[in-house]
C-alpha atoms as a PDB file:
ATOM      1  CA  MET A   1       9.545  -5.327   7.087  1.00  0.00           C
ATOM      2  CA  ASP A   2       9.504  -1.648   6.215  1.00  0.00           C
ATOM      3  CA  ASN A   3       8.111  -2.194   2.735  1.00  0.00           C
ATOM      4  CA  GLU A   4       4.784  -3.220   4.275  1.00  0.00           C
ATOM      5  CA  ARG A   5       4.398  -0.006   6.227  1.00  0.00           C
ATOM      6  CA  ILE A   6       2.361   3.030   5.349  1.00  0.00           C
ATOM      7  CA  ARG A   7       4.062   6.309   6.199  1.00  0.00           C
ATOM      8  CA  ILE A   8       2.437   9.612   7.076  1.00  0.00           C
ATOM      9  CA  ARG A   9       4.509  12.775   6.596  1.00  0.00           C
ATOM     10  CA  ARG A  10       3.329  16.298   7.306  1.00  0.00           C
ATOM     11  CA  VAL A  11       4.358  19.064   4.898  1.00  0.00           C
ATOM     12  CA  ASP A  12       4.600  22.689   6.049  1.00  0.00           C
ATOM     13  CA  PRO A  13       6.625  25.854   5.310  1.00  0.00           C
ATOM     14  CA  THR A  14       9.251  24.913   7.924  1.00  0.00           C
ATOM     15  CA  ASN A  15      10.097  21.710   6.046  1.00  0.00           C
ATOM     16  CA  ASN A  16      12.603  22.574   3.336  1.00  0.00           C
ATOM     17  CA  ALA A  17      13.379  18.992   2.398  1.00  0.00           C
ATOM     18  CA  ASN A  18      13.241  18.013  -1.274  1.00  0.00           C
ATOM     19  CA  LEU A  19       9.736  16.537  -1.425  1.00  0.00           C
ATOM     20  CA  LEU A  20       9.858  12.973  -2.718  1.00  0.00           C
ATOM     21  CA  GLY A  21      13.239  13.841  -4.204  1.00  0.00           C
ATOM     22  CA  ALA A  22      11.358  15.366  -7.138  1.00  0.00           C
ATOM     23  CA  GLU A  23      11.890  19.116  -6.743  1.00  0.00           C
ATOM     24  CA  THR A  24      15.234  19.375  -8.518  1.00  0.00           C
ATOM     25  CA  ASP A  25      14.563  16.930 -11.350  1.00  0.00           C
ATOM     26  CA  SER A  26      12.189  14.261 -12.631  1.00  0.00           C
ATOM     27  CA  VAL A  27      12.349  11.036 -10.615  1.00  0.00           C
ATOM     28  CA  GLN A  28      10.752   7.624 -10.872  1.00  0.00           C
ATOM     29  CA  ILE A  29       8.696   7.169  -7.726  1.00  0.00           C
ATOM     30  CA  ASP A  30       9.375   3.945  -5.833  1.00  0.00           C
ATOM     31  CA  ARG A  31       6.352   4.207  -3.543  1.00  0.00           C
ATOM     32  CA  THR A  32       2.633   4.573  -4.075  1.00  0.00           C
ATOM     33  CA  GLY A  33       0.900   7.379  -2.238  1.00  0.00           C
ATOM     34  CA  CYS A  34      -0.976  10.651  -2.264  1.00  0.00           C
ATOM     35  CA  LEU A  35      -0.594  14.299  -1.311  1.00  0.00           C
ATOM     36  CA  ILE A  36      -3.474  15.854   0.588  1.00  0.00           C
ATOM     37  CA  CYS A  37      -3.042  19.608   0.099  1.00  0.00           C
ATOM     38  CA  THR A  38      -4.617  21.794   2.803  1.00  0.00           C
ATOM     39  CA  LYS A  39      -2.998  25.160   2.017  1.00  0.00           C
ATOM     40  CA  GLY A  40      -0.886  26.746  -0.710  1.00  0.00           C
ATOM     41  CA  GLY A  41      -0.165  24.683  -3.780  1.00  0.00           C
ATOM     42  CA  GLY A  42       2.178  24.259  -6.680  1.00  0.00           C
ATOM     43  CA  GLN A  43       2.714  22.753 -10.090  1.00  0.00           C
ATOM     44  CA  ILE A  44       3.731  19.173 -10.851  1.00  0.00           C
ATOM     45  CA  LEU A  45       4.511  17.091 -13.908  1.00  0.00           C
ATOM     46  CA  LEU A  46       3.226  13.543 -13.419  1.00  0.00           C
ATOM     47  CA  ASN A  47       3.821  11.003 -16.187  1.00  0.00           C
ATOM     48  CA  GLY A  48       4.240  13.807 -18.703  1.00  0.00           C
ATOM     49  CA  LYS A  49       1.074  15.699 -17.757  1.00  0.00           C
ATOM     50  CA  GLU A  50       0.972  18.974 -15.822  1.00  0.00           C
ATOM     51  CA  TYR A  51      -1.294  19.465 -12.817  1.00  0.00           C
ATOM     52  CA  THR A  52      -1.871  22.585 -10.726  1.00  0.00           C
ATOM     53  CA  ILE A  53      -2.112  21.691  -7.058  1.00  0.00           C
ATOM     54  CA  GLU A  54      -4.593  23.792  -5.080  1.00  0.00           C
ATOM     55  CA  PRO A  55      -5.835  23.792  -1.471  1.00  0.00           C
ATOM     56  CA  ASN A  56      -8.379  21.092  -0.577  1.00  0.00           C
ATOM     57  CA  SER A  57      -7.187  18.564  -3.123  1.00  0.00           C
ATOM     58  CA  VAL A  58      -5.767  15.068  -3.371  1.00  0.00           C
ATOM     59  CA  THR A  59      -3.120  13.941  -5.854  1.00  0.00           C
ATOM     60  CA  VAL A  60      -2.411  10.213  -6.153  1.00  0.00           C
ATOM     61  CA  TYR A  61       0.844   8.863  -7.564  1.00  0.00           C
ATOM     62  CA  PHE A  62       1.670   5.218  -8.236  1.00  0.00           C
ATOM     63  CA  SER A  63       4.938   3.375  -7.994  1.00  0.00           C
ATOM     64  CA  TYR A  64       6.986   3.628 -11.207  1.00  0.00           C
ATOM     65  CA  SER A  65       5.344   6.940 -12.063  1.00  0.00           C
ATOM     66  CA  VAL A  66       7.652   9.767 -13.170  1.00  0.00           C
ATOM     67  CA  LEU A  67       7.199  12.878 -11.038  1.00  0.00           C
ATOM     68  CA  HIS A  68       8.696  16.358 -11.174  1.00  0.00           C
ATOM     69  CA  ILE A  69       7.597  19.048  -8.728  1.00  0.00           C
ATOM     70  CA  LEU A  70       7.921  22.123 -10.933  1.00  0.00           C
ATOM     71  CA  ARG A  71       6.874  24.670  -8.325  1.00  0.00           C
ATOM     72  CA  ARG A  72       6.092  24.573  -4.631  1.00  0.00           C
ATOM     73  CA  GLU A  73       4.480  27.606  -3.042  1.00  0.00           C
ATOM     74  CA  PRO A  74       6.217  28.779   0.174  1.00  0.00           C
ATOM     75  CA  ASP A  75       3.044  28.324   2.216  1.00  0.00           C
ATOM     76  CA  LEU A  76       2.356  24.770   1.017  1.00  0.00           C
ATOM     77  CA  GLU A  77       0.838  22.638   3.754  1.00  0.00           C
ATOM     78  CA  GLY A  78      -0.501  19.138   3.600  1.00  0.00           C
ATOM     79  CA  ILE A  79       0.072  15.488   4.311  1.00  0.00           C
ATOM     80  CA  ILE A  80       1.838  12.816   2.260  1.00  0.00           C
ATOM     81  CA  ILE A  81       0.666   9.232   2.734  1.00  0.00           C
ATOM     82  CA  SER A  82       2.878   6.660   1.033  1.00  0.00           C
ATOM     83  CA  CYS A  83       3.559   2.931   0.948  1.00  0.00           C
ATOM     84  CA  ASN A  84       5.590   0.373  -0.966  1.00  0.00           C
ATOM     85  CA  LEU A  85       2.832  -2.186  -1.216  1.00  0.00           C
ATOM     86  CA  GLU A  86      -0.449  -1.137  -2.744  1.00  0.00           C
ATOM     87  CA  THR A  87      -2.984  -0.813   0.064  1.00  0.00           C
ATOM     88  CA  ILE A  88      -6.064   0.213  -1.852  1.00  0.00           C
ATOM     89  CA  GLN A  89      -6.809  -2.881  -3.944  1.00  0.00           C
ATOM     90  CA  PRO A  90      -8.168  -5.066  -1.088  1.00  0.00           C
ATOM     91  CA  LEU A  91     -10.748  -2.398  -0.355  1.00  0.00           C
ATOM     92  CA  LEU A  92     -11.680  -2.041  -4.025  1.00  0.00           C
ATOM     93  CA  ASN A  93     -12.558  -5.729  -4.106  1.00  0.00           C
ATOM     94  CA  ILE A  94     -15.379  -4.901  -1.723  1.00  0.00           C
ATOM     95  CA  VAL A  95     -16.885  -2.606  -4.356  1.00  0.00           C
ATOM     96  CA  SER A  96     -17.826  -4.629  -7.422  1.00  0.00           C
ATOM     97  CA  ASP A  97     -17.391  -3.151 -10.900  1.00  0.00           C
ATOM     98  CA  PHE A  98     -15.271  -0.282  -9.601  1.00  0.00           C
ATOM     99  CA  ASN A  99     -11.951  -0.093 -11.455  1.00  0.00           C
ATOM    100  CA  GLY A 100     -10.587   2.293  -8.887  1.00  0.00           C
ATOM    101  CA  LEU A 101      -6.884   1.946  -9.611  1.00  0.00           C
ATOM    102  CA  PHE A 102      -7.419   2.725 -13.278  1.00  0.00           C
ATOM    103  CA  LEU A 103      -9.618   5.697 -12.458  1.00  0.00           C
ATOM    104  CA  MET A 104      -7.054   7.111 -10.058  1.00  0.00           C
ATOM    105  CA  ARG A 105      -4.185   6.514 -12.453  1.00  0.00           C
ATOM    106  CA  GLN A 106      -5.947   8.350 -15.277  1.00  0.00           C
ATOM    107  CA  ASN A 107      -7.315  11.060 -12.967  1.00  0.00           C
ATOM    108  CA  PRO A 108      -4.626  11.452 -10.282  1.00  0.00           C
ATOM    109  CA  TYR A 109      -5.720  14.937  -9.197  1.00  0.00           C
ATOM    110  CA  THR A 110      -9.111  15.811  -7.770  1.00  0.00           C
ATOM    111  CA  LYS A 111     -10.521  18.734  -5.799  1.00  0.00           C
ATOM    112  CA  LEU A 112     -12.366  18.098  -2.548  1.00  0.00           C
ATOM    113  CA  MET A 113     -14.689  19.925  -0.212  1.00  0.00           C
ATOM    114  CA  ARG A 114     -13.054  21.263   2.934  1.00  0.00           C
ATOM    115  CA  SER A 115     -15.295  18.982   4.982  1.00  0.00           C
ATOM    116  CA  GLN A 116     -13.733  15.944   3.273  1.00  0.00           C
ATOM    117  CA  ILE A 117     -10.237  17.200   4.038  1.00  0.00           C
ATOM    118  CA  ASP A 118     -11.218  17.768   7.669  1.00  0.00           C
ATOM    119  CA  VAL A 119     -12.367  14.153   7.955  1.00  0.00           C
ATOM    120  CA  PHE A 120      -9.011  12.902   6.620  1.00  0.00           C
ATOM    121  CA  ILE A 121      -7.130  15.123   9.047  1.00  0.00           C
ATOM    122  CA  THR A 122      -9.240  13.795  11.914  1.00  0.00           C
ATOM    123  CA  TYR A 123      -8.335  10.219  11.013  1.00  0.00           C
ATOM    124  CA  ILE A 124      -4.655  11.096  10.665  1.00  0.00           C
ATOM    125  CA  ASN A 125      -4.588  12.919  14.008  1.00  0.00           C
ATOM    126  CA  LEU A 126      -6.235   9.953  15.730  1.00  0.00           C
ATOM    127  CA  ILE A 127      -3.730   7.555  14.180  1.00  0.00           C
ATOM    128  CA  SER A 128      -0.842   9.823  15.229  1.00  0.00           C
ATOM    129  CA  HIS A 129      -2.199   9.896  18.779  1.00  0.00           C
ATOM    130  CA  LEU A 130      -2.366   6.104  18.903  1.00  0.00           C
ATOM    131  CA  LEU A 131       1.139   5.770  17.471  1.00  0.00           C
ATOM    132  CA  THR A 132       2.440   8.072  20.178  1.00  0.00           C
ATOM    133  CA  ARG A 133       0.688   6.049  22.830  1.00  0.00           C
ATOM    134  CA  TYR A 134       2.115   2.854  21.403  1.00  0.00           C
ATOM    135  CA  GLU A 135       5.632   4.278  21.453  1.00  0.00           C
ATOM    136  CA  VAL A 136       5.328   5.589  25.025  1.00  0.00           C
ATOM    137  CA  GLU A 137       3.801   2.402  26.393  1.00  0.00           C
ATOM    138  CA  SER A 138       6.407   0.285  24.626  1.00  0.00           C
ATOM    139  CA  GLN A 139       9.049   1.740  26.952  1.00  0.00           C
ATOM    140  CA  ASN A 140       7.670  -0.543  29.635  1.00  0.00           C
ATOM    141  CA  LEU A 141       8.283  -3.590  27.459  1.00  0.00           C
ATOM    142  CA  GLN A 142       7.406  -6.407  29.865  1.00  0.00           C
ATOM    143  CA  GLU A 143       4.099  -4.965  31.048  1.00  0.00           C
ATOM    144  CA  TRP A 144       3.160  -3.754  27.545  1.00  0.00           C
ATOM    145  CA  GLN A 145       3.919  -7.074  25.843  1.00  0.00           C
ATOM    146  CA  ASN A 146       1.579  -8.922  28.196  1.00  0.00           C
ATOM    147  CA  SER A 147      -1.196  -6.357  28.112  1.00  0.00           C
ATOM    148  CA  PRO A 148      -4.337  -6.773  25.957  1.00  0.00           C
ATOM    149  CA  ILE A 149      -4.204  -3.008  25.399  1.00  0.00           C
ATOM    150  CA  LYS A 150      -1.360  -3.524  22.932  1.00  0.00           C
ATOM    151  CA  GLU A 151      -3.561  -5.513  20.562  1.00  0.00           C
ATOM    152  CA  ILE A 152      -6.468  -3.130  21.090  1.00  0.00           C
ATOM    153  CA  VAL A 153      -4.313  -0.187  20.011  1.00  0.00           C
ATOM    154  CA  ARG A 154      -3.041  -2.119  16.985  1.00  0.00           C
ATOM    155  CA  GLN A 155      -6.596  -2.905  15.921  1.00  0.00           C
ATOM    156  CA  GLN A 156      -7.646   0.710  16.400  1.00  0.00           C
ATOM    157  CA  ILE A 157      -4.844   1.834  14.085  1.00  0.00           C
ATOM    158  CA  HIS A 158      -5.812  -0.880  11.598  1.00  0.00           C
ATOM    159  CA  LEU A 159      -9.476   0.175  11.483  1.00  0.00           C
ATOM    160  CA  LEU A 160      -8.703   3.884  11.301  1.00  0.00           C
ATOM    161  CA  GLY A 161      -6.267   3.187   8.477  1.00  0.00           C
ATOM    162  CA  ASN A 162      -8.952   1.280   6.588  1.00  0.00           C
ATOM    163  CA  SER A 163     -11.377   4.165   7.019  1.00  0.00           C
ATOM    164  CA  LEU A 164      -8.805   6.713   5.880  1.00  0.00           C
ATOM    165  CA  MET A 165      -7.969   4.779   2.714  1.00  0.00           C
ATOM    166  CA  LEU A 166     -11.631   4.132   1.910  1.00  0.00           C
ATOM    167  CA  GLY A 167     -12.242   7.850   2.238  1.00  0.00           C
ATOM    168  CA  ILE A 168      -9.487   8.598  -0.270  1.00  0.00           C
ATOM    169  CA  VAL A 169     -10.852   5.974  -2.675  1.00  0.00           C
ATOM    170  CA  SER A 170     -14.327   7.494  -2.404  1.00  0.00           C
ATOM    171  CA  CYS A 171     -12.978  10.803  -3.736  1.00  0.00           C
ATOM    172  CA  TYR A 172     -12.605   9.197  -7.161  1.00  0.00           C
ATOM    173  CA  THR A 173     -16.012   7.586  -7.563  1.00  0.00           C
ATOM    174  CA  HIS A 174     -17.343  10.616  -9.451  1.00  0.00           C
ATOM    175  CA  PHE A 175     -15.066   9.680 -12.362  1.00  0.00           C
ATOM    176  CA  ILE A 176     -17.070   6.505 -13.012  1.00  0.00           C
ATOM    177  CA  ASN A 177     -19.382   8.172 -15.519  1.00  0.00           C
ATOM    178  CA  ASN A 178     -16.540   9.526 -17.642  1.00  0.00           C
ATOM    179  CA  ASN A 179     -16.830   6.513 -19.978  1.00  0.00           C
ATOM    180  CA  ILE A 180     -13.139   5.736 -19.624  1.00  0.00           C
ATOM    181  CA  THR A 181     -12.115   2.860 -21.870  1.00  0.00           C
ATOM    182  CA  TYR A 182      -9.503   0.262 -21.068  1.00  0.00           C
ATOM    183  CA  ASN A 183      -7.381  -1.628 -23.544  1.00  0.00           C
ATOM    184  CA  ARG A 184      -6.774  -5.352 -23.533  1.00  0.00           C
ATOM    185  CA  LYS A 185      -3.651  -5.102 -21.395  1.00  0.00           C
ATOM    186  CA  ASP A 186      -5.520  -3.069 -18.795  1.00  0.00           C
ATOM    187  CA  GLU A 187      -8.147  -5.806 -18.664  1.00  0.00           C
ATOM    188  CA  VAL A 188      -5.488  -8.484 -18.231  1.00  0.00           C
ATOM    189  CA  LEU A 189      -3.992  -6.587 -15.296  1.00  0.00           C
ATOM    190  CA  GLN A 190      -7.358  -5.952 -13.670  1.00  0.00           C
ATOM    191  CA  LYS A 191      -8.321  -9.623 -13.918  1.00  0.00           C
ATOM    192  CA  PHE A 192      -4.952 -10.657 -12.534  1.00  0.00           C
ATOM    193  CA  ILE A 193      -5.434  -8.353  -9.538  1.00  0.00           C
ATOM    194  CA  ARG A 194      -8.799  -9.880  -8.732  1.00  0.00           C
ATOM    195  CA  GLN A 195      -7.654 -13.452  -9.314  1.00  0.00           C
ATOM    196  CA  LEU A 196      -4.498 -12.999  -7.263  1.00  0.00           C
ATOM    197  CA  TYR A 197      -6.416 -11.549  -4.343  1.00  0.00           C
ATOM    198  CA  SER A 198      -8.713 -14.573  -4.222  1.00  0.00           C
ATOM    199  CA  SER A 199      -6.227 -17.332  -5.093  1.00  0.00           C
ATOM    200  CA  TYR A 200      -2.708 -16.466  -3.888  1.00  0.00           C
ATOM    201  CA  ARG A 201      -2.966 -18.682  -0.809  1.00  0.00           C
ATOM    202  CA  THR A 202      -3.391 -21.816  -2.891  1.00  0.00           C
ATOM    203  CA  GLU A 203      -2.059 -20.946  -6.357  1.00  0.00           C
ATOM    204  CA  HIS A 204       1.626 -19.984  -6.507  1.00  0.00           C
ATOM    205  CA  ASP A 205       2.410 -20.570 -10.188  1.00  0.00           C
ATOM    206  CA  VAL A 206       2.217 -17.905 -12.883  1.00  0.00           C
ATOM    207  CA  SER A 207       0.801 -20.492 -15.302  1.00  0.00           C
ATOM    208  CA  PHE A 208      -2.399 -20.731 -13.246  1.00  0.00           C
ATOM    209  CA  TYR A 209      -3.139 -17.015 -13.640  1.00  0.00           C
ATOM    210  CA  ALA A 210      -2.147 -17.037 -17.319  1.00  0.00           C
ATOM    211  CA  GLU A 211      -4.439 -19.972 -18.078  1.00  0.00           C
ATOM    212  CA  LYS A 212      -7.340 -18.178 -16.406  1.00  0.00           C
ATOM    213  CA  GLN A 213      -7.066 -15.605 -19.201  1.00  0.00           C
ATOM    214  CA  CYS A 214      -6.232 -18.083 -21.974  1.00  0.00           C
ATOM    215  CA  LEU A 215      -2.738 -16.610 -22.369  1.00  0.00           C
ATOM    216  CA  THR A 216       0.678 -18.201 -22.493  1.00  0.00           C
ATOM    217  CA  PRO A 217       2.676 -17.672 -19.292  1.00  0.00           C
ATOM    218  CA  ARG A 218       5.350 -15.788 -21.217  1.00  0.00           C
ATOM    219  CA  TYR A 219       2.951 -13.306 -22.851  1.00  0.00           C
ATOM    220  CA  PHE A 220       0.972 -12.929 -19.637  1.00  0.00           C
ATOM    221  CA  ALA A 221       4.138 -12.171 -17.655  1.00  0.00           C
ATOM    222  CA  ALA A 222       5.234  -9.623 -20.255  1.00  0.00           C
ATOM    223  CA  ILE A 223       1.929  -7.731 -19.911  1.00  0.00           C
ATOM    224  CA  ILE A 224       2.035  -7.625 -16.110  1.00  0.00           C
ATOM    225  CA  LYS A 225       5.671  -6.543 -16.187  1.00  0.00           C
ATOM    226  CA  GLU A 226       4.849  -3.759 -18.647  1.00  0.00           C
ATOM    227  CA  LYS A 227       1.850  -2.496 -16.677  1.00  0.00           C
ATOM    228  CA  THR A 228       3.288  -2.739 -13.144  1.00  0.00           C
ATOM    229  CA  GLY A 229       7.061  -2.765 -13.485  1.00  0.00           C
ATOM    230  CA  LYS A 230       7.230  -6.153 -11.761  1.00  0.00           C
ATOM    231  CA  ALA A 231       6.760  -9.743 -12.906  1.00  0.00           C
ATOM    232  CA  PRO A 232       3.647 -11.664 -11.791  1.00  0.00           C
ATOM    233  CA  SER A 233       5.887 -14.073  -9.885  1.00  0.00           C
ATOM    234  CA  GLU A 234       7.055 -11.136  -7.756  1.00  0.00           C
ATOM    235  CA  TRP A 235       3.470 -10.188  -6.947  1.00  0.00           C
ATOM    236  CA  ILE A 236       2.622 -13.769  -5.989  1.00  0.00           C
ATOM    237  CA  THR A 237       5.667 -13.903  -3.739  1.00  0.00           C
ATOM    238  CA  ALA A 238       4.835 -10.537  -2.167  1.00  0.00           C
ATOM    239  CA  ALA A 239       1.264 -11.666  -1.487  1.00  0.00           C
ATOM    240  CA  LEU A 240       2.425 -14.873   0.186  1.00  0.00           C
ATOM    241  CA  LEU A 241       5.064 -13.059   2.219  1.00  0.00           C
ATOM    242  CA  SER A 242       2.576 -10.451   3.431  1.00  0.00           C
ATOM    243  CA  GLU A 243       0.134 -13.132   4.555  1.00  0.00           C
ATOM    244  CA  THR A 244       2.895 -15.248   6.104  1.00  0.00           C
ATOM    245  CA  LYS A 245       4.089 -12.388   8.280  1.00  0.00           C
ATOM    246  CA  ARG A 246       0.541 -11.552   9.297  1.00  0.00           C
ATOM    247  CA  MET A 247      -0.014 -15.121  10.426  1.00  0.00           C
ATOM    248  CA  LEU A 248       3.308 -15.288  12.259  1.00  0.00           C
ATOM    249  CA  ASN A 249       2.640 -11.961  13.986  1.00  0.00           C
ATOM    250  CA  SER A 250      -1.003 -12.275  14.905  1.00  0.00           C
ATOM    251  CA  THR A 251      -1.995 -15.950  15.150  1.00  0.00           C
ATOM    252  CA  SER A 252      -1.048 -18.859  17.383  1.00  0.00           C
ATOM    253  CA  MET A 253      -0.522 -21.161  14.409  1.00  0.00           C
ATOM    254  CA  THR A 254       2.732 -23.115  14.284  1.00  0.00           C
ATOM    255  CA  VAL A 255       5.180 -22.734  11.410  1.00  0.00           C
ATOM    256  CA  LYS A 256       4.110 -26.126  10.123  1.00  0.00           C
ATOM    257  CA  GLU A 257       0.427 -25.193  10.229  1.00  0.00           C
ATOM    258  CA  ILE A 258       1.111 -21.967   8.328  1.00  0.00           C
ATOM    259  CA  SER A 259       3.094 -23.786   5.650  1.00  0.00           C
ATOM    260  CA  ILE A 260       0.194 -26.208   5.180  1.00  0.00           C
ATOM    261  CA  ASP A 261      -2.419 -23.458   5.177  1.00  0.00           C
ATOM    262  CA  LEU A 262      -0.528 -21.574   2.458  1.00  0.00           C
ATOM    263  CA  HIS A 263      -0.047 -24.732   0.392  1.00  0.00           C
ATOM    264  CA  PHE A 264       3.741 -24.965   0.481  1.00  0.00           C
ATOM    265  CA  PRO A 265       5.143 -28.412  -0.453  1.00  0.00           C
ATOM    266  CA  ASN A 266       6.534 -28.938   3.063  1.00  0.00           C
ATOM    267  CA  GLN A 267       7.754 -27.086   6.134  1.00  0.00           C
ATOM    268  CA  SER A 268      11.408 -27.311   5.100  1.00  0.00           C
ATOM    269  CA  TYR A 269      10.755 -25.658   1.745  1.00  0.00           C
ATOM    270  CA  PHE A 270       8.629 -23.015   3.431  1.00  0.00           C
ATOM    271  CA  GLY A 271      11.392 -22.219   5.949  1.00  0.00           C
ATOM    272  CA  LYS A 272      14.058 -21.837   3.266  1.00  0.00           C
ATOM    273  CA  TRP A 273      11.745 -19.686   1.139  1.00  0.00           C
ATOM    274  CA  PHE A 274      11.003 -17.356   4.060  1.00  0.00           C
ATOM    275  CA  LYS A 275      14.596 -17.089   5.243  1.00  0.00           C
ATOM    276  CA  ASN A 276      15.794 -16.253   1.736  1.00  0.00           C
ATOM    277  CA  LEU A 277      13.360 -13.319   1.596  1.00  0.00           C
ATOM    278  CA  VAL A 278      13.443 -12.032   5.175  1.00  0.00           C
ATOM    279  CA  GLY A 279      16.854 -13.064   6.471  1.00  0.00           C
ATOM    280  CA  CYS A 280      15.666 -15.175   9.380  1.00  0.00           C
ATOM    281  CA  SER A 281      13.622 -18.327   9.892  1.00  0.00           C
ATOM    282  CA  PRO A 282       9.842 -18.151  10.391  1.00  0.00           C
ATOM    283  CA  LEU A 283      10.286 -19.228  14.017  1.00  0.00           C
ATOM    284  CA  GLU A 284      12.857 -16.496  14.672  1.00  0.00           C
ATOM    285  CA  TYR A 285      10.537 -13.953  13.095  1.00  0.00           C
ATOM    286  CA  LYS A 286       7.616 -15.183  15.193  1.00  0.00           C
ATOM    287  CA  LYS A 287       9.688 -14.861  18.358  1.00  0.00           C
ATOM    288  CA  GLY A 288      10.490 -11.270  17.463  1.00  0.00           C
ATOM    289  CA  ASN A 289      14.163 -11.400  16.434  1.00  0.00           C
ATOM    290  CA  LYS A 290      13.489  -9.625  13.150  1.00  0.00           C
ATOM    291  CA  ARG A 291      10.213  -7.851  13.785  1.00  0.00           C
ATOM    292  CA  SER A 292      10.243  -4.139  13.111  1.00  0.00           C
ATOM    293  CA  ASP A 293       6.865  -3.267  14.608  1.00  0.00           C
ATOM    294  CA  GLU A 294       8.216  -2.670  18.127  1.00  0.00           C
ATOM    295  CA  GLY A 295       8.279   1.110  18.499  1.00  0.00           C
ATOM    296  CA  TYR A 296       5.643   1.299  15.776  1.00  0.00           C
ATOM    297  CA  THR A 297       6.943   4.443  14.098  1.00  0.00           C
ATOM    298  CA  GLU A 298       5.079   3.252  11.023  1.00  0.00           C
ATOM    299  CA  TYR A 299       1.980   1.117  10.885  1.00  0.00           C
ATOM    300  CA  ASN A 300       0.679  -1.837   8.958  1.00  0.00           C
ATOM    301  CA  VAL A 301      -2.751  -0.758   7.812  1.00  0.00           C
ATOM    302  CA  PHE A 302      -3.879  -4.039   6.307  1.00  0.00           C
ATOM    303  CA  SER A 303      -3.422  -7.516   7.729  1.00  0.00           C
ATOM    304  CA  GLU A 304      -4.238  -9.178   4.429  1.00  0.00           C
ATOM    305  CA  ILE A 305      -2.671  -8.954   0.950  1.00  0.00           C
ATOM    306  CA  SER A 306      -1.957  -5.331   0.147  1.00  0.00           C
ATOM    307  CA  GLN A 307       0.234  -4.913  -2.802  1.00  0.00           C
ATOM    308  CA  ILE A 308      -0.788  -4.579  -6.430  1.00  0.00           C
ATOM    309  CA  LYS A 309       1.210  -1.721  -7.928  1.00  0.00           C
ATOM    310  CA  GLN A 310       0.312   0.139 -11.070  1.00  0.00           C
ATOM    311  CA  LYS A 311       2.797   1.644 -13.434  1.00  0.00           C
END
C-alpha cells in the first residue's frame, strides 16, 4: 500500500509546484518527512515557530504538524523525503537512551556540514539509480520475476534507505546535552513506542500497553491520541498490517502460518481482518493481485514495523 512507501522528491527552481501545499496558507501535514536544503533557502512557520532555512540544512516535520512556507527563494534547491508511516523509530531502538523523536520534534531545524549533505545526496542518487533499474527490468516481467537479481536490488534499496535515515538521525545527536525535559505524557508516549515495537506481534489489546504503565485504558488512549493524533489501537493495527504484508511479500509462509505467528485467534478471523483493511484476501495479496510494488516508483525502506507518528 502507498502509505508504507517513502517518497523522494527533488526541489529546484524549475519546479513551481506549491511545496507540500503549504505556500499559500498554513496546512496540517499528513506525512512525516524532512527537507534537505542544498541551495537557496526561505522562511517557514512550523507549529507556530519561525525558522530560516539556509543551504546545507535539514528540517524535519512530523505528521499532524502545522506548516506554512512563508517565503521560498527562487534558487531554492534540495530534496524532500516523506512517508506516512514513521520510519525512524525502529532505528532509534538500536540506540539506547536516545529520545530521537522528541529531540527532532523540539529541534526540527539543524545546520549541517557540506560533507554531510554530500553523503545524503550520494545515497539518494544510488537509490534513484536502483529504482530506475528496477523499473526498466520490470518491463521484462517473466524473466525479472524469476531472477534473483530482483531480490538483490530490493535489498540494496532497503540497506541504502536504512543508511540514509540513520544519517539523518545522527544529525540530531548533538542536541542530547541540551537538558531537554519531557513531561509525563511525553514519557507515556515514549514507553508506548518502545513497548509496541517489542510486543505488537503478540499483544494486540490496548489494555496490555496501558497496564504496563499502570494507567487505565481510557486515560492511556487519550494521551496517545493527544500526542500522535491517532488512537493506540490504530498504531497496533498499523504495526500488525505492516508486518503481515512484509511476511506475505517476502516469506514462503502460508496464510495460516502467518496468522499463528502473529497470534490471531484463527485463520478465518485473520483473513477477514486483512481484507477489511486492504480490500483483498491475504492469499490474493500474496499472489500479487493487490501489490503496488511492481514498477517500484516508491520504495519500502523498512521490512519491519515502521510507523510511530508524533504530533
